[in-house]
Amino acid sequence: MFYAKLNLVRGRKGLSRRELIGQLAATAGCAVAGSAFGAQQPQAPPTSPATPPAQTAAQPETDLLRQLRTAHPRLILPDSELDKLRAAVREHSTAKRIFGDLEKESDRLLSIPPVEYKLVGPRLQIQTRHAIDRITTLALMYRLTGRDPWLRRAIMELAAAAAFKDWNPSRFVDTAEMTHAFAIGYDWLFNSLMPEERTWIREALITKGLDQGLPVYQQKNRWAIDHFSSTIVCNSALVMGALAVGDEAHDKANDILRYALESIPRALSTYGTDGGWPEGPAYGEYATRYACLFFASLDTAIGNDYGLSGFHGVDRAGRYRVYTIGPSNRVFSFADGPDEPGLAPEMFWLAKRFNNPVYAWSEQKQIERSPHPDALDLAWFQRDAKAPQPPSWPLDAVFHGVGVATFRSSWDDPAGIFLAVKGGDNKATHSHYDLGSFMLDAGGVRWASDFEQDDTGVQPNQRLSLYSVRTESHNTLMIDGENQDGRAEAHITHQEIGPDFAWVQIDLSKTSAKIKQWNRRIGLAQRKAILIEDSVRADQPVEVIWDMLTDTDVSVNGPTAILHKNGWNLAAEIRTPRHAVFDVAPVRTPPGTPASPKYQKLIVRQVEKVTELDLNIVLTPYRDGQQKPQVTTQFPT
């Protein structure tokens, strides 16, 4: 049987994209694989008239919904799991806190108006995310408690969004997110809805959601053939909607699922082998949340996820999140996104799927700090949590797929050092011109920061003019005052990871046509100090400026500088060249964009243009009243 064969694939870890989808195609003859690799699958031999088609091993299974669970709820959290959740709320303090916060949030929602059709720039996303949060929270809490006011309020939210003229299909992630909200509302509340309520919720989900996605699939454009977060989000949400109404709109839902199984492997392959995500941690979390919604919905609705959660790197996506959050709970916020980690309930799902209690530990820590609950944290809650410890969780990690390395002095010291640096690809969606940029935390202070600028109302063609995207707002080198090449890539070409000195080398030579070579070596020496070495070669003289964005108090004295904040200091010293000195420069945002008095830049500017530069800088954090640690470590010659 088709699904029996797929179940043989389900759960296999470590399969590559080609291997996994190839196996699906080989076992099922399904159209899942073909165009995802740009190659046609071989045709099955003609069926003998004496052999019924159903008994032919290579016969394609056209009804992908044949084993759709008939009863609702069928998405993510079947009713059989509710008693286990209630027990967790009684017995586990974190689950009890989530429940209490969701209870307060559900009561708060009773007194506020529902969503309204209101675009901010090109986006409806503020409203779609309100709808997801509200409907999921109210529906879950109603299912756990049976409190009728929460049911009525969820229906009110659905009615408001169903009345929208559309769900903003020109920016399809908005349509996808609202489809997600309606899939949850329809499925989780199905047994308590009146027949007429089911009808208008289902019609809105189909006409404003599924019907808008089918042409994108059929025309093979936009997110359907991309490989970034939007591909995972849109496919996942449409599949959730299709599974929710699969019995009432069978053919359309079946088409959605068939197209999605062809489309989503493109984006799942972006995890590579190490779980990194090139659009930055914020969009990595977005992609991973929807990937887990996709896997979980398939698993609970039809009995398996087609083995897609077994893609290389998916199991390590949680590891990437753990390593990009520093001890002071600030994230390595490269590309678009804030430096606050926020909640990531999918870490619980990943913890269970891959038997990794460190993922659950990470999410439980965020719940303790977050003032805002997430219903999925309760729906997916995992009690078994364990803090990371060497040797299985070393202090340093390198993610070659996205060119990111992180270093730390401790897993459990909130004042510990956290250093992160990136190479990567300037062509990635949501990327900045920030190859070579680093961030640094110590003593609970972020010494080397990333400029945050809200782009909510910005049109896509205006984004690259934002100061936050430009090279000068990042902790890297500026060559002749210009942005990096928007097509440039930078790879980690060497690494040495040891207890006393851990470092990487990044080849940044493609960032500017004006240089022929630039290597940045950066790392953590003796778990006490940060070493940064830039080696630049050019055929013609160029101006090179070393930049570090900071919101601390800075005093400079020739080749040394002291940064101070919150009872901590960061000593900066230029080891070479001898004539180089530090300076402080203001942040000058372009006309028409918000100024930022919060930040200034510690810079190193050469006296004149150069064709060769070997710049070595040491950054050493220490507490007020303590002596600066002495570090003599140097990069090997």
Foldseek 3Di string as FASTA:
>chain_A
DLVVQLVVLALAADDALCRQVVSNCVQAVAPLADPLVPHHDDDDDDDDPVDPLVPDRNRHDLQPQPQFDPAFPQAQFGLVCLVVLVVCLVPPPLSVVLLVQLVVVLVVLLPDAAAAQDAQALDPVVRLVSLQQLLLSLLVNCSNPVDVSSLVSNLNNLVRVLPDPAQNCVVPLSLLSNLQSLLCNCRSCVVVDDPVSNVSSLVSSCPRHLVSVVVCLVVVDDLQAAQALSVLSNLLSLLSNLSSCCVVPVVSSSSSPSSNSNRHSSNLCLLPQQQDHQQWLVSLLSSLLSNLSNQSSCCRGRNGNSNSCNHRRNLNNLVNLLQQQDLLQFGFGAFADGRHNAARLCLLVSCVSVVPQQSLVVRSVRSVVDSHHGSSCSSSPDPRHDHDDPDVNDQKDADQSAAKIKHWLDRHDSQTKIKMFGFGWLQDPRHALAGGFMWIGGHSFTFFDQDHDDCSNPDPVCVNLWPSRFHQRTQAKDKQNHGFPSGDTKGFDDWDDDQAKTKTKIWRCRRDPQWNTWIWIWTQGHSFKIKIKIKTAGPDFIKMKGKGKGQFDWDWDFQWIWTDDDQKIKIKGKPDDPRKTKDKAQDDTDPPGDGDPRIIIIMITDPTTDRIDIIMMMIGMDGPPDDTDDDDDDDDD
